[in-house]
């Protein structure tokens, strides 16, 4: 009959590390929840990343206009 093996120190260390990671992850989640709760509310329905953008053709960037002027001369 095979003997049942006891948990080795490696397994205990692995389980301890896993429990630590789980604890740290829960702390990060709690901090994120707190940050979201304390963050100022957005004003309006507009996305701040898209604020001020206009649909349609966009003007050329300054660096590209300089290149076009040099090639025309």
N, C-alpha and C. Protein backbone atom coordinates (compact mmCIF):
# COMPACT_ATOMS: atom_id res chain seq x y z
N UNK A 1 0.83 -1.18 0.00
CA UNK A 1 0.00 0.00 0.00
C UNK A 1 0.88 1.25 0.00
N UNK A 2 0.47 2.24 -0.78
CA UNK A 2 1.26 3.48 -0.79
C UNK A 2 1.03 4.29 0.48
N UNK A 3 2.07 4.93 0.90
CA UNK A 3 1.96 5.77 2.07
C UNK A 3 1.37 7.13 1.67
N UNK A 4 0.60 7.70 2.55
CA UNK A 4 0.09 9.04 2.27
C UNK A 4 1.19 10.04 2.63
N UNK A 5 1.46 10.92 1.73
CA UNK A 5 2.54 11.87 1.97
C UNK A 5 2.02 13.07 2.76
N UNK A 6 2.89 13.59 3.56
CA UNK A 6 2.55 14.77 4.34
C UNK A 6 2.84 16.01 3.49
N UNK A 7 2.11 17.09 3.78
CA UNK A 7 2.41 18.33 3.05
C UNK A 7 3.84 18.78 3.33
N UNK A 8 4.53 19.11 2.32
CA UNK A 8 5.91 19.53 2.50
C UNK A 8 5.97 21.01 2.83
N UNK A 9 7.14 21.44 3.21
CA UNK A 9 7.31 22.86 3.54
C UNK A 9 7.09 23.72 2.30
N UNK A 10 7.37 23.16 1.11
CA UNK A 10 7.12 23.90 -0.13
C UNK A 10 5.64 24.19 -0.30
N UNK A 11 4.82 23.19 0.00
CA UNK A 11 3.38 23.37 -0.14
C UNK A 11 2.88 24.41 0.85
N UNK A 12 3.37 24.35 2.07
CA UNK A 12 2.95 25.33 3.07
C UNK A 12 3.36 26.74 2.65
N UNK A 13 4.58 26.87 2.13
CA UNK A 13 5.05 28.18 1.68
C UNK A 13 4.20 28.68 0.51
N UNK A 14 3.86 27.77 -0.39
CA UNK A 14 3.03 28.13 -1.55
C UNK A 14 1.65 28.58 -1.10
N UNK A 15 1.06 27.87 -0.15
CA UNK A 15 -0.26 28.24 0.36
C UNK A 15 -0.22 29.56 1.10
N UNK A 16 0.86 29.80 1.84
CA UNK A 16 1.01 31.06 2.57
C UNK A 16 1.13 32.22 1.58
N UNK A 17 1.92 32.03 0.52
CA UNK A 17 2.07 33.07 -0.50
C UNK A 17 0.74 33.33 -1.20
N UNK A 18 0.00 32.28 -1.46
CA UNK A 18 -1.30 32.43 -2.11
C UNK A 18 -2.26 33.22 -1.21
N UNK A 19 -2.26 32.93 0.07
CA UNK A 19 -3.13 33.65 1.01
C UNK A 19 -2.72 35.12 1.09
N UNK A 20 -1.41 35.39 1.05
CA UNK A 20 -0.92 36.76 1.08
C UNK A 20 -1.37 37.53 -0.15
N UNK A 21 -1.24 36.89 -1.33
CA UNK A 21 -1.68 37.53 -2.58
C UNK A 21 -3.17 37.84 -2.53
N UNK A 22 -3.94 36.90 -1.99
CA UNK A 22 -5.39 37.09 -1.88
C UNK A 22 -5.70 38.28 -0.97
N UNK A 23 -4.97 38.38 0.13
CA UNK A 23 -5.17 39.48 1.07
C UNK A 23 -4.82 40.82 0.42
N UNK A 24 -3.68 40.88 -0.28
CA UNK A 24 -3.27 42.11 -0.97
C UNK A 24 -4.27 42.51 -2.04
N UNK A 25 -4.77 41.53 -2.76
CA UNK A 25 -5.75 41.80 -3.81
C UNK A 25 -7.03 42.39 -3.22
N UNK A 26 -7.46 41.85 -2.11
CA UNK A 26 -8.66 42.37 -1.45
C UNK A 26 -8.43 43.80 -0.96
N UNK A 27 -7.23 44.09 -0.47
CA UNK A 27 -6.91 45.45 -0.05
C UNK A 27 -6.96 46.41 -1.24
N UNK A 28 -6.40 45.99 -2.38
CA UNK A 28 -6.43 46.84 -3.58
C UNK A 28 -7.87 47.08 -4.02
N UNK A 29 -8.70 46.05 -3.96
CA UNK A 29 -10.10 46.20 -4.34
C UNK A 29 -10.81 47.18 -3.41
N UNK A 30 -10.53 47.08 -2.11
CA UNK A 30 -11.16 47.98 -1.13
C UNK A 30 -10.72 49.42 -1.39
N UNK A 31 -9.44 49.62 -1.69
CA UNK A 31 -8.94 50.96 -1.99
C UNK A 31 -9.59 51.51 -3.25
N UNK A 32 -9.76 50.68 -4.25
CA UNK A 32 -10.40 51.12 -5.50
C UNK A 32 -11.85 51.51 -5.25
N UNK A 33 -12.55 50.71 -4.43
CA UNK A 33 -13.94 51.04 -4.10
C UNK A 33 -14.01 52.38 -3.38
N UNK A 34 -13.07 52.60 -2.46
CA UNK A 34 -13.04 53.85 -1.71
C UNK A 34 -12.74 55.03 -2.63
N UNK A 35 -11.77 54.86 -3.54
CA UNK A 35 -11.44 55.93 -4.49
C UNK A 35 -12.65 56.29 -5.34
N UNK A 36 -13.35 55.27 -5.83
CA UNK A 36 -14.52 55.52 -6.68
C UNK A 36 -15.61 56.23 -5.90
N UNK A 37 -15.78 55.86 -4.65
CA UNK A 37 -16.82 56.48 -3.82
C UNK A 37 -16.48 57.94 -3.53
N UNK A 38 -15.20 58.26 -3.35
CA UNK A 38 -14.78 59.61 -3.02
C UNK A 38 -14.49 60.48 -4.24
N UNK A 39 -14.49 59.90 -5.44
CA UNK A 39 -14.18 60.65 -6.65
C UNK A 39 -15.31 61.62 -6.96
N UNK A 40 -14.96 62.79 -7.47
CA UNK A 40 -16.02 63.75 -7.82
C UNK A 40 -16.87 63.19 -8.97
N UNK A 41 -18.14 63.48 -8.90
CA UNK A 41 -19.06 62.98 -9.93
C UNK A 41 -18.82 63.74 -11.23
N UNK A 42 -19.01 63.07 -12.33
CA UNK A 42 -18.88 63.69 -13.64
C UNK A 42 -20.01 64.69 -13.84
N UNK A 43 -19.68 65.77 -14.48
CA UNK A 43 -20.72 66.74 -14.79
C UNK A 43 -21.17 66.51 -16.23
N UNK A 44 -22.44 66.25 -16.42
CA UNK A 44 -22.98 66.03 -17.76
C UNK A 44 -22.79 64.61 -18.23
N UNK A 45 -23.26 64.38 -19.41
CA UNK A 45 -23.19 63.04 -20.00
C UNK A 45 -22.01 62.89 -20.95
N UNK A 46 -21.24 63.96 -21.15
CA UNK A 46 -20.16 63.92 -22.12
C UNK A 46 -18.92 63.23 -21.54
N UNK A 47 -18.30 62.41 -22.36
CA UNK A 47 -17.07 61.72 -21.98
C UNK A 47 -15.93 62.74 -21.97
N UNK A 48 -15.17 62.87 -20.88
CA UNK A 48 -14.11 63.88 -20.83
C UNK A 48 -13.02 63.64 -21.87
N UNK A 49 -12.81 62.41 -22.29
CA UNK A 49 -11.79 62.14 -23.32
C UNK A 49 -12.22 62.66 -24.68
N UNK A 50 -13.53 62.75 -24.89
CA UNK A 50 -14.04 63.17 -26.20
C UNK A 50 -14.53 64.61 -26.19
N UNK A 51 -14.42 65.29 -25.07
CA UNK A 51 -14.92 66.66 -24.95
C UNK A 51 -14.22 67.57 -25.95
N UNK A 52 -14.99 68.35 -26.66
CA UNK A 52 -14.44 69.33 -27.60
C UNK A 52 -14.10 68.77 -28.97
N UNK A 53 -14.27 67.49 -29.19
CA UNK A 53 -13.97 66.93 -30.50
C UNK A 53 -15.13 67.18 -31.44
N UNK A 54 -14.80 67.40 -32.72
CA UNK A 54 -15.81 67.66 -33.73
C UNK A 54 -15.76 66.55 -34.76
N UNK A 55 -16.92 66.08 -35.15
CA UNK A 55 -16.97 65.03 -36.17
C UNK A 55 -16.59 65.60 -37.53
N UNK A 56 -16.02 64.76 -38.37
CA UNK A 56 -15.67 65.18 -39.71
C UNK A 56 -14.17 65.30 -39.88
N UNK A 57 -13.76 65.84 -41.02
CA UNK A 57 -12.32 65.97 -41.28
C UNK A 57 -11.65 66.86 -40.24
N UNK A 58 -10.49 66.45 -39.81
CA UNK A 58 -9.75 67.20 -38.80
C UNK A 58 -8.65 68.01 -39.48
N UNK A 59 -8.29 69.17 -38.93
CA UNK A 59 -7.20 69.95 -39.51
C UNK A 59 -5.88 69.20 -39.40
N UNK A 60 -4.98 69.48 -40.33
CA UNK A 60 -3.67 68.83 -40.29
C UNK A 60 -2.88 69.33 -39.09
N UNK A 61 -2.07 68.47 -38.48
CA UNK A 61 -1.23 68.93 -37.38
C UNK A 61 -0.16 69.90 -37.89
N UNK A 62 0.34 70.74 -37.01
CA UNK A 62 1.32 71.77 -37.38
C UNK A 62 2.56 71.16 -38.03
N UNK A 63 3.04 70.05 -37.49
CA UNK A 63 4.27 69.47 -38.02
C UNK A 63 4.08 68.97 -39.45
N UNK A 64 2.87 68.55 -39.79
CA UNK A 64 2.61 68.06 -41.14
C UNK A 64 2.47 69.23 -42.11
N UNK A 65 1.92 70.35 -41.67
CA UNK A 65 1.79 71.52 -42.52
C UNK A 65 3.16 72.07 -42.87
N UNK A 66 4.11 72.03 -41.91
CA UNK A 66 5.47 72.50 -42.18
C UNK A 66 6.12 71.67 -43.28
N UNK A 67 5.91 70.38 -43.27
CA UNK A 67 6.48 69.49 -44.28
C UNK A 67 5.88 69.80 -45.65
N UNK A 68 4.55 70.03 -45.70
CA UNK A 68 3.88 70.36 -46.96
C UNK A 68 4.39 71.67 -47.54
N UNK A 69 4.66 72.67 -46.71
CA UNK A 69 5.17 73.96 -47.17
C UNK A 69 6.57 73.80 -47.77
N UNK A 70 7.40 72.95 -47.18
CA UNK A 70 8.76 72.74 -47.68
C UNK A 70 8.75 72.05 -49.03
N UNK A 71 7.84 71.12 -49.26
CA UNK A 71 7.78 70.39 -50.52
C UNK A 71 7.20 71.24 -51.63
N UNK A 72 6.36 72.21 -51.31
CA UNK A 72 5.77 73.08 -52.32
C UNK A 72 6.78 74.11 -52.82
N UNK A 73 7.76 74.48 -52.01
CA UNK A 73 8.73 75.51 -52.37
C UNK A 73 9.74 75.02 -53.34
